[in-house]
Amino acid sequence: MTVLLPSCTSRAATPSKSLLSNANVSKPKITFVPLAAATLMLSLLGFSAASHAEVEEDGRFWLNLTMEGSLSQEHKLGWYMELQPRFKEEGREHDQTLIRPAINYKLSDRASIWLGYADVRTHAASGTNHEQRWWQQFLYTFPPTASGIVLTSRTRFEQRNFDIGDDTGYRVRQLVRAIKKVNGSDSLSWLVWDELFISTRSTDWGALSGFDQNRAFAGIAWQAAPNARLEVGYVNQYVRGQNLDRMNHILSTSLFLRF
């Protein structure tokens, strides 16, 4: 999760000047804070589903490089590539490497459908596990609110296969993201999102049916250039386990480039 949202969100993340000029200073305090609270509530609902288990905590560091571009002159068909190295044990050990390519098709200026693949290598004490994952998603960005908040919904369906088992796991991921310009800045925005993961079946490689994990992010986005955006913030990741749940405190840094 990281997440992270390409072309639709890049355009939608910049509210029009008329909306910004009409919003007074007090409005973000009224509208944005409850939105962040609602995001936190989604996260807590996920935590309560697995609250019976003992929880182990860790500090982690995630990096994300995302690149995207067009495959057609009409700019309706696009390509996407994501590279994510992740580190655990307070950033001292390599945890995962994730490569996630995809193609997408724009249904409108706000909606798109996606088809992608993910190659995930996870390093554990027993060795490296290899996951291959096909995924499909629907992405929709809502019109900006009167106070300049832009909401995006991403619904993703994954088919997961591991080299340590024979079963195919199926997982649904629902992400809701909100971004709001920092008052007085054309390039900085407040950013929050929450993503809930639900597995539809248990597998022989360890997936459990039902709640899988939840990720909640709070941070800031910097539009460094029309085709470059940097997002930095904190991710709280709660992962359900067989006997031991995990809560990871993650410093997330994501760079998005459009060609």
C-alpha atoms as a PDB file:
ATOM      1  CA  MET A   1       0.000   0.000   0.000  1.00  0.00           C
ATOM      2  CA  THR A   2       2.033   1.690  -0.262  1.00  0.00           C
ATOM      3  CA  VAL A   3      -0.225   2.865  -2.338  1.00  0.00           C
ATOM      4  CA  LEU A   4      -0.512   4.431  -4.328  1.00  0.00           C
ATOM      5  CA  LEU A   5      -2.394   6.078  -6.831  1.00  0.00           C
ATOM      6  CA  PRO A   6      -1.424   7.006 -10.330  1.00  0.00           C
ATOM      7  CA  SER A   7      -2.814   9.186 -13.054  1.00  0.00           C
ATOM      8  CA  CYS A   8      -6.334   9.823 -11.768  1.00  0.00           C
ATOM      9  CA  THR A   9      -5.138  10.928  -8.352  1.00  0.00           C
ATOM     10  CA  SER A  10      -2.247  12.932  -9.689  1.00  0.00           C
ATOM     11  CA  ARG A  11      -4.617  15.170 -11.607  1.00  0.00           C
ATOM     12  CA  ALA A  12      -7.296  15.216  -8.959  1.00  0.00           C
ATOM     13  CA  ALA A  13      -4.868  16.028  -6.177  1.00  0.00           C
ATOM     14  CA  THR A  14      -4.767  19.694  -7.258  1.00  0.00           C
ATOM     15  CA  PRO A  15      -8.119  21.415  -6.581  1.00  0.00           C
ATOM     16  CA  SER A  16      -9.047  24.317  -8.811  1.00  0.00           C
ATOM     17  CA  LYS A  17      -7.954  27.810  -7.809  1.00  0.00           C
ATOM     18  CA  SER A  18     -11.566  28.903  -7.506  1.00  0.00           C
ATOM     19  CA  LEU A  19     -12.242  26.268  -4.889  1.00  0.00           C
ATOM     20  CA  LEU A  20      -9.155  27.208  -2.923  1.00  0.00           C
ATOM     21  CA  SER A  21      -9.942  30.910  -3.034  1.00  0.00           C
ATOM     22  CA  ASN A  22     -13.503  30.352  -1.823  1.00  0.00           C
ATOM     23  CA  ALA A  23     -12.442  28.208   1.164  1.00  0.00           C
ATOM     24  CA  ASN A  24     -11.672  30.196   4.302  1.00  0.00           C
ATOM     25  CA  VAL A  25      -8.990  29.239   6.814  1.00  0.00           C
ATOM     26  CA  SER A  26     -11.356  27.642   9.301  1.00  0.00           C
ATOM     27  CA  LYS A  27     -12.961  25.172   6.916  1.00  0.00           C
ATOM     28  CA  PRO A  28     -10.116  22.612   6.797  1.00  0.00           C
ATOM     29  CA  LYS A  29     -10.275  22.341  10.599  1.00  0.00           C
ATOM     30  CA  ILE A  30     -13.959  21.448  10.361  1.00  0.00           C
ATOM     31  CA  THR A  31     -13.928  19.047   7.427  1.00  0.00           C
ATOM     32  CA  PHE A  32     -10.509  17.424   7.261  1.00  0.00           C
ATOM     33  CA  VAL A  33     -10.111  16.359  10.885  1.00  0.00           C
ATOM     34  CA  PRO A  34     -13.402  14.357  10.964  1.00  0.00           C
ATOM     35  CA  LEU A  35     -12.315  12.716   7.716  1.00  0.00           C
ATOM     36  CA  ALA A  36      -9.048  11.626   9.304  1.00  0.00           C
ATOM     37  CA  ALA A  37     -11.014  10.400  12.322  1.00  0.00           C
ATOM     38  CA  ALA A  38     -13.251   8.331  10.049  1.00  0.00           C
ATOM     39  CA  THR A  39     -10.160   6.810   8.469  1.00  0.00           C
ATOM     40  CA  LEU A  40      -8.848   5.913  11.912  1.00  0.00           C
ATOM     41  CA  MET A  41     -12.197   4.299  12.787  1.00  0.00           C
ATOM     42  CA  LEU A  42     -11.901   2.018   9.751  1.00  0.00           C
ATOM     43  CA  SER A  43      -8.490   1.001  11.011  1.00  0.00           C
ATOM     44  CA  LEU A  44      -9.785   0.299  14.515  1.00  0.00           C
ATOM     45  CA  LEU A  45     -12.577  -1.871  13.147  1.00  0.00           C
ATOM     46  CA  GLY A  46      -9.946  -4.026  11.487  1.00  0.00           C
ATOM     47  CA  PHE A  47      -7.896  -4.214  14.681  1.00  0.00           C
ATOM     48  CA  SER A  48     -10.894  -5.341  16.746  1.00  0.00           C
ATOM     49  CA  ALA A  49     -11.411  -8.329  14.451  1.00  0.00           C
ATOM     50  CA  ALA A  50      -8.088  -9.769  15.649  1.00  0.00           C
ATOM     51  CA  SER A  51      -7.790  -8.217  19.116  1.00  0.00           C
ATOM     52  CA  HIS A  52      -7.844 -11.635  20.835  1.00  0.00           C
ATOM     53  CA  ALA A  53      -4.275 -12.419  19.717  1.00  0.00           C
ATOM     54  CA  GLU A  54      -0.969 -11.339  21.184  1.00  0.00           C
ATOM     55  CA  VAL A  55       0.542  -8.454  19.226  1.00  0.00           C
ATOM     56  CA  GLU A  56       4.204  -8.051  18.284  1.00  0.00           C
ATOM     57  CA  GLU A  57       5.411  -4.607  17.172  1.00  0.00           C
ATOM     58  CA  ASP A  58       8.222  -3.518  14.869  1.00  0.00           C
ATOM     59  CA  GLY A  59       9.575  -0.365  13.254  1.00  0.00           C
ATOM     60  CA  ARG A  60       9.905  -0.540   9.464  1.00  0.00           C
ATOM     61  CA  PHE A  61      10.939   1.500   6.455  1.00  0.00           C
ATOM     62  CA  TRP A  62       9.247   1.324   3.021  1.00  0.00           C
ATOM     63  CA  LEU A  63      10.463   2.884  -0.212  1.00  0.00           C
ATOM     64  CA  ASN A  64       8.303   3.115  -3.322  1.00  0.00           C
ATOM     65  CA  LEU A  65       9.196   4.208  -6.847  1.00  0.00           C
ATOM     66  CA  THR A  66       6.182   4.405  -9.179  1.00  0.00           C
ATOM     67  CA  MET A  67       6.382   5.261 -12.882  1.00  0.00           C
ATOM     68  CA  GLU A  68       3.550   5.573 -15.387  1.00  0.00           C
ATOM     69  CA  GLY A  69       2.791   6.767 -18.892  1.00  0.00           C
ATOM     70  CA  SER A  70       0.453   6.492 -21.875  1.00  0.00           C
ATOM     71  CA  LEU A  71       0.300   3.720 -24.473  1.00  0.00           C
ATOM     72  CA  SER A  72      -2.098   5.446 -26.881  1.00  0.00           C
ATOM     73  CA  GLN A  73      -2.427   8.862 -28.452  1.00  0.00           C
ATOM     74  CA  GLU A  74      -5.852   9.283 -26.837  1.00  0.00           C
ATOM     75  CA  HIS A  75      -4.200   8.684 -23.417  1.00  0.00           C
ATOM     76  CA  LYS A  76      -6.893   6.159 -22.502  1.00  0.00           C
ATOM     77  CA  LEU A  77      -4.553   3.145 -22.334  1.00  0.00           C
ATOM     78  CA  GLY A  78      -1.644   3.452 -19.931  1.00  0.00           C
ATOM     79  CA  TRP A  79       1.254   1.558 -18.391  1.00  0.00           C
ATOM     80  CA  TYR A  80       2.329   1.446 -14.751  1.00  0.00           C
ATOM     81  CA  MET A  81       5.376   0.118 -12.886  1.00  0.00           C
ATOM     82  CA  GLU A  82       6.014  -0.009  -9.158  1.00  0.00           C
ATOM     83  CA  LEU A  83       9.216  -1.013  -7.323  1.00  0.00           C
ATOM     84  CA  GLN A  84       9.168  -1.359  -3.532  1.00  0.00           C
ATOM     85  CA  PRO A  85      12.029  -2.415  -1.254  1.00  0.00           C
ATOM     86  CA  ARG A  86      10.875  -2.857   2.358  1.00  0.00           C
ATOM     87  CA  PHE A  87      12.945  -3.157   5.522  1.00  0.00           C
ATOM     88  CA  LYS A  88      12.122  -4.606   8.967  1.00  0.00           C
ATOM     89  CA  GLU A  89      13.678  -4.779  12.461  1.00  0.00           C
ATOM     90  CA  GLU A  90      13.845  -0.989  12.759  1.00  0.00           C
ATOM     91  CA  GLY A  91      15.118  -0.830   9.171  1.00  0.00           C
ATOM     92  CA  ARG A  92      18.170  -3.036   9.762  1.00  0.00           C
ATOM     93  CA  GLU A  93      17.023  -6.086   7.743  1.00  0.00           C
ATOM     94  CA  HIS A  94      15.673  -6.484   4.229  1.00  0.00           C
ATOM     95  CA  ASP A  95      12.079  -7.724   4.472  1.00  0.00           C
ATOM     96  CA  GLN A  96      10.528  -7.688   0.982  1.00  0.00           C
ATOM     97  CA  THR A  97      11.055  -6.664  -2.604  1.00  0.00           C
ATOM     98  CA  LEU A  98       7.917  -6.031  -4.639  1.00  0.00           C
ATOM     99  CA  ILE A  99       7.729  -5.423  -8.404  1.00  0.00           C
ATOM    100  CA  ARG A 100       4.225  -4.537  -9.657  1.00  0.00           C
ATOM    101  CA  PRO A 101       3.591  -3.766 -13.368  1.00  0.00           C
ATOM    102  CA  ALA A 102       0.127  -3.056 -14.781  1.00  0.00           C
ATOM    103  CA  ILE A 103      -1.861  -1.637 -17.649  1.00  0.00           C
ATOM    104  CA  ASN A 104      -4.901   0.569 -17.191  1.00  0.00           C
ATOM    105  CA  TYR A 105      -7.759   1.896 -19.288  1.00  0.00           C
ATOM    106  CA  LYS A 106      -9.517   5.215 -18.623  1.00  0.00           C
ATOM    107  CA  LEU A 107     -13.295   4.910 -18.641  1.00  0.00           C
ATOM    108  CA  SER A 108     -13.563   8.652 -17.997  1.00  0.00           C
ATOM    109  CA  ASP A 109     -11.501  11.482 -16.531  1.00  0.00           C
ATOM    110  CA  ARG A 110     -12.286  10.085 -13.069  1.00  0.00           C
ATOM    111  CA  ALA A 111     -12.638   6.304 -13.499  1.00  0.00           C
ATOM    112  CA  SER A 112     -10.255   3.610 -14.718  1.00  0.00           C
ATOM    113  CA  ILE A 113      -9.905  -0.184 -14.726  1.00  0.00           C
ATOM    114  CA  TRP A 114      -6.626  -2.021 -14.214  1.00  0.00           C
ATOM    115  CA  LEU A 115      -4.957  -5.376 -14.850  1.00  0.00           C
ATOM    116  CA  GLY A 116      -1.653  -6.099 -13.144  1.00  0.00           C
ATOM    117  CA  TYR A 117       0.866  -8.589 -11.822  1.00  0.00           C
ATOM    118  CA  ALA A 118       3.045  -8.556  -8.708  1.00  0.00           C
ATOM    119  CA  ASP A 119       6.261 -10.426  -7.972  1.00  0.00           C
ATOM    120  CA  VAL A 120       6.863 -10.442  -4.209  1.00  0.00           C
ATOM    121  CA  ARG A 121       9.995 -11.852  -2.531  1.00  0.00           C
ATOM    122  CA  THR A 122       9.790 -12.087   1.272  1.00  0.00           C
ATOM    123  CA  HIS A 123      12.931 -12.799   3.295  1.00  0.00           C
ATOM    124  CA  ALA A 124      12.467 -14.881   6.453  1.00  0.00           C
ATOM    125  CA  ALA A 125      14.722 -16.872   8.782  1.00  0.00           C
ATOM    126  CA  SER A 126      13.784 -20.062   6.909  1.00  0.00           C
ATOM    127  CA  GLY A 127      14.628 -18.579   3.500  1.00  0.00           C
ATOM    128  CA  THR A 128      13.033 -16.479   0.767  1.00  0.00           C
ATOM    129  CA  ASN A 129       9.371 -17.002  -0.144  1.00  0.00           C
ATOM    130  CA  HIS A 130       8.201 -16.174  -3.647  1.00  0.00           C
ATOM    131  CA  GLU A 131       4.659 -14.931  -4.260  1.00  0.00           C
ATOM    132  CA  GLN A 132       3.179 -14.392  -7.705  1.00  0.00           C
ATOM    133  CA  ARG A 133       0.016 -12.349  -7.787  1.00  0.00           C
ATOM    134  CA  TRP A 134      -2.439 -11.306 -10.498  1.00  0.00           C
ATOM    135  CA  TRP A 135      -4.725  -8.410  -9.651  1.00  0.00           C
ATOM    136  CA  GLN A 136      -7.528  -6.288 -11.057  1.00  0.00           C
ATOM    137  CA  GLN A 137      -8.858  -3.003  -9.736  1.00  0.00           C
ATOM    138  CA  PHE A 138     -11.333  -0.176 -10.216  1.00  0.00           C
ATOM    139  CA  LEU A 139     -10.169   3.345  -9.405  1.00  0.00           C
ATOM    140  CA  TYR A 140     -12.452   6.345  -9.020  1.00  0.00           C
ATOM    141  CA  THR A 141     -11.654   9.930  -7.994  1.00  0.00           C
ATOM    142  CA  PHE A 142     -14.549  12.046  -6.744  1.00  0.00           C
ATOM    143  CA  PRO A 143     -14.957  15.749  -7.594  1.00  0.00           C
ATOM    144  CA  PRO A 144     -13.338  18.086  -5.040  1.00  0.00           C
ATOM    145  CA  THR A 145     -15.512  19.160  -2.132  1.00  0.00           C
ATOM    146  CA  ALA A 146     -16.267  22.820  -1.458  1.00  0.00           C
ATOM    147  CA  SER A 147     -13.297  22.928   0.941  1.00  0.00           C
ATOM    148  CA  GLY A 148     -10.926  21.363  -1.616  1.00  0.00           C
ATOM    149  CA  ILE A 149     -10.762  17.785  -0.297  1.00  0.00           C
ATOM    150  CA  VAL A 150     -10.350  15.154  -3.015  1.00  0.00           C
ATOM    151  CA  LEU A 151     -11.464  11.595  -2.235  1.00  0.00           C
ATOM    152  CA  THR A 152     -10.320   8.539  -4.184  1.00  0.00           C
ATOM    153  CA  SER A 153     -11.628   4.968  -3.918  1.00  0.00           C
ATOM    154  CA  ARG A 154      -9.591   1.970  -5.056  1.00  0.00           C
ATOM    155  CA  THR A 155     -11.072  -1.539  -5.059  1.00  0.00           C
ATOM    156  CA  ARG A 156      -8.576  -4.309  -5.871  1.00  0.00           C
ATOM    157  CA  PHE A 157      -9.042  -8.077  -6.244  1.00  0.00           C
ATOM    158  CA  GLU A 158      -5.955 -10.320  -5.996  1.00  0.00           C
ATOM    159  CA  GLN A 159      -5.193 -13.937  -6.892  1.00  0.00           C
ATOM    160  CA  ARG A 160      -2.175 -15.067  -4.859  1.00  0.00           C
ATOM    161  CA  ASN A 161       0.157 -18.070  -5.304  1.00  0.00           C
ATOM    162  CA  PHE A 162       3.185 -19.025  -3.194  1.00  0.00           C
ATOM    163  CA  ASP A 163       6.012 -21.442  -3.859  1.00  0.00           C
ATOM    164  CA  ILE A 164       5.453 -22.937  -0.372  1.00  0.00           C
ATOM    165  CA  GLY A 165       1.893 -24.137  -1.117  1.00  0.00           C
ATOM    166  CA  ASP A 166      -0.496 -25.321  -3.801  1.00  0.00           C
ATOM    167  CA  ASP A 167      -3.607 -23.256  -3.030  1.00  0.00           C
ATOM    168  CA  THR A 168      -4.589 -20.008  -4.710  1.00  0.00           C
ATOM    169  CA  GLY A 169      -5.568 -17.305  -2.257  1.00  0.00           C
ATOM    170  CA  TYR A 170      -8.099 -14.603  -3.077  1.00  0.00           C
ATOM    171  CA  ARG A 171      -8.021 -11.213  -1.386  1.00  0.00           C
ATOM    172  CA  VAL A 172     -10.070  -8.013  -1.642  1.00  0.00           C
ATOM    173  CA  ARG A 173      -8.437  -4.671  -0.836  1.00  0.00           C
ATOM    174  CA  GLN A 174     -10.468  -1.487  -0.341  1.00  0.00           C
ATOM    175  CA  LEU A 175      -8.625   1.808  -0.088  1.00  0.00           C
ATOM    176  CA  VAL A 176     -10.078   5.263   0.599  1.00  0.00           C
ATOM    177  CA  ARG A 177      -7.733   8.220   0.197  1.00  0.00           C
ATOM    178  CA  ALA A 178      -8.195  11.933   0.973  1.00  0.00           C
ATOM    179  CA  ILE A 179      -5.905  14.793  -0.022  1.00  0.00           C
ATOM    180  CA  LYS A 180      -6.213  18.506   0.809  1.00  0.00           C
ATOM    181  CA  LYS A 181      -4.016  21.447  -0.168  1.00  0.00           C
ATOM    182  CA  VAL A 182      -2.013  23.060   2.620  1.00  0.00           C
ATOM    183  CA  ASN A 183      -3.307  26.612   3.022  1.00  0.00           C
ATOM    184  CA  GLY A 184      -1.065  29.087   1.252  1.00  0.00           C
ATOM    185  CA  SER A 185       0.860  26.456  -0.732  1.00  0.00           C
ATOM    186  CA  ASP A 186       0.490  25.429  -4.361  1.00  0.00           C
ATOM    187  CA  SER A 187       2.681  22.326  -4.045  1.00  0.00           C
ATOM    188  CA  LEU A 188       2.068  20.839  -0.558  1.00  0.00           C
ATOM    189  CA  SER A 189      -0.978  18.797   0.493  1.00  0.00           C
ATOM    190  CA  TRP A 190      -2.145  16.931   3.575  1.00  0.00           C
ATOM    191  CA  LEU A 191      -2.755  13.265   2.817  1.00  0.00           C
ATOM    192  CA  VAL A 192      -4.515  10.416   4.661  1.00  0.00           C
ATOM    193  CA  TRP A 193      -5.662   7.000   3.494  1.00  0.00           C
ATOM    194  CA  ASP A 194      -6.867   3.706   4.897  1.00  0.00           C
ATOM    195  CA  GLU A 195      -6.782   0.279   3.225  1.00  0.00           C
ATOM    196  CA  LEU A 196      -8.614  -2.809   4.493  1.00  0.00           C
ATOM    197  CA  PHE A 197      -7.561  -6.318   3.324  1.00  0.00           C
ATOM    198  CA  ILE A 198     -10.023  -9.252   3.399  1.00  0.00           C
ATOM    199  CA  SER A 199      -9.101 -12.829   2.402  1.00  0.00           C
ATOM    200  CA  THR A 200     -11.943 -14.898   0.967  1.00  0.00           C
ATOM    201  CA  ARG A 201     -10.469 -18.319   1.839  1.00  0.00           C
ATOM    202  CA  SER A 202      -7.834 -20.031   3.977  1.00  0.00           C
ATOM    203  CA  THR A 203      -4.881 -21.629   2.174  1.00  0.00           C
ATOM    204  CA  ASP A 204      -2.195 -24.249   2.780  1.00  0.00           C
ATOM    205  CA  TRP A 205       0.482 -21.536   2.780  1.00  0.00           C
ATOM    206  CA  GLY A 206      -0.988 -19.612   5.691  1.00  0.00           C
ATOM    207  CA  ALA A 207      -3.739 -17.223   4.559  1.00  0.00           C
ATOM    208  CA  LEU A 208      -6.705 -17.033   6.949  1.00  0.00           C
ATOM    209  CA  SER A 209     -10.238 -16.420   5.755  1.00  0.00           C
ATOM    210  CA  GLY A 210     -11.630 -13.040   6.809  1.00  0.00           C
ATOM    211  CA  PHE A 211      -9.717 -10.015   8.075  1.00  0.00           C
ATOM    212  CA  ASP A 212      -6.131 -10.089   6.815  1.00  0.00           C
ATOM    213  CA  GLN A 213      -4.663  -6.676   7.612  1.00  0.00           C
ATOM    214  CA  ASN A 214      -5.264  -2.926   7.732  1.00  0.00           C
ATOM    215  CA  ARG A 215      -3.006  -0.045   6.746  1.00  0.00           C
ATOM    216  CA  ALA A 216      -3.618   3.548   7.826  1.00  0.00           C
ATOM    217  CA  PHE A 217      -1.447   6.418   6.534  1.00  0.00           C
ATOM    218  CA  ALA A 218      -1.040  10.068   7.500  1.00  0.00           C
ATOM    219  CA  GLY A 219       1.486  12.359   5.874  1.00  0.00           C
ATOM    220  CA  ILE A 220       2.184  15.036   3.314  1.00  0.00           C
ATOM    221  CA  ALA A 221       2.450  15.146  -0.490  1.00  0.00           C
ATOM    222  CA  TRP A 222       4.790  17.457  -2.375  1.00  0.00           C
ATOM    223  CA  GLN A 223       4.079  18.151  -6.055  1.00  0.00           C
ATOM    224  CA  ALA A 224       7.683  18.891  -6.979  1.00  0.00           C
ATOM    225  CA  ALA A 225       6.888  19.240 -10.702  1.00  0.00           C
ATOM    226  CA  PRO A 226       3.882  18.598 -12.968  1.00  0.00           C
ATOM    227  CA  ASN A 227       5.144  15.041 -13.522  1.00  0.00           C
ATOM    228  CA  ALA A 228       6.759  14.338 -10.131  1.00  0.00           C
ATOM    229  CA  ARG A 229       5.185  13.876  -6.689  1.00  0.00           C
ATOM    230  CA  LEU A 230       6.724  12.837  -3.356  1.00  0.00           C
ATOM    231  CA  GLU A 231       4.638  11.400  -0.496  1.00  0.00           C
ATOM    232  CA  VAL A 232       6.132  10.948   2.971  1.00  0.00           C
ATOM    233  CA  GLY A 233       4.380   9.831   6.132  1.00  0.00           C
ATOM    234  CA  TYR A 234       3.570   7.219   8.745  1.00  0.00           C
ATOM    235  CA  VAL A 235       1.830   3.909   8.064  1.00  0.00           C
ATOM    236  CA  ASN A 236       0.268   1.860  10.849  1.00  0.00           C
ATOM    237  CA  GLN A 237       0.017  -1.724   9.583  1.00  0.00           C
ATOM    238  CA  TYR A 238      -1.926  -4.305  11.601  1.00  0.00           C
ATOM    239  CA  VAL A 239      -1.519  -7.883  10.311  1.00  0.00           C
ATOM    240  CA  ARG A 240      -3.526 -10.881  11.533  1.00  0.00           C
ATOM    241  CA  GLY A 241      -1.505 -14.048  12.159  1.00  0.00           C
ATOM    242  CA  GLN A 242      -2.169 -17.649  13.093  1.00  0.00           C
ATOM    243  CA  ASN A 243      -1.274 -17.155  16.764  1.00  0.00           C
ATOM    244  CA  LEU A 244       0.551 -13.840  16.824  1.00  0.00           C
ATOM    245  CA  ASP A 245      -0.649 -10.586  15.270  1.00  0.00           C
ATOM    246  CA  ARG A 246       1.745  -7.842  14.168  1.00  0.00           C
ATOM    247  CA  MET A 247       1.593  -4.061  14.374  1.00  0.00           C
ATOM    248  CA  ASN A 248       4.239  -2.368  12.240  1.00  0.00           C
ATOM    249  CA  HIS A 249       5.131   1.321  12.558  1.00  0.00           C
ATOM    250  CA  ILE A 250       6.373   2.313   9.112  1.00  0.00           C
ATOM    251  CA  LEU A 251       8.111   5.368   7.701  1.00  0.00           C
ATOM    252  CA  SER A 252       6.882   5.415   4.099  1.00  0.00           C
ATOM    253  CA  THR A 253       8.515   7.398   1.277  1.00  0.00           C
ATOM    254  CA  SER A 254       6.989   7.217  -2.227  1.00  0.00           C
ATOM    255  CA  LEU A 255       8.123   8.931  -5.426  1.00  0.00           C
ATOM    256  CA  PHE A 256       5.707   9.078  -8.404  1.00  0.00           C
ATOM    257  CA  LEU A 257       6.957   9.939 -11.897  1.00  0.00           C
ATOM    258  CA  ARG A 258       4.851  10.381 -15.038  1.00  0.00           C
ATOM    259  CA  PHE A 259       6.348  10.205 -18.529  1.00  0.00           C
END
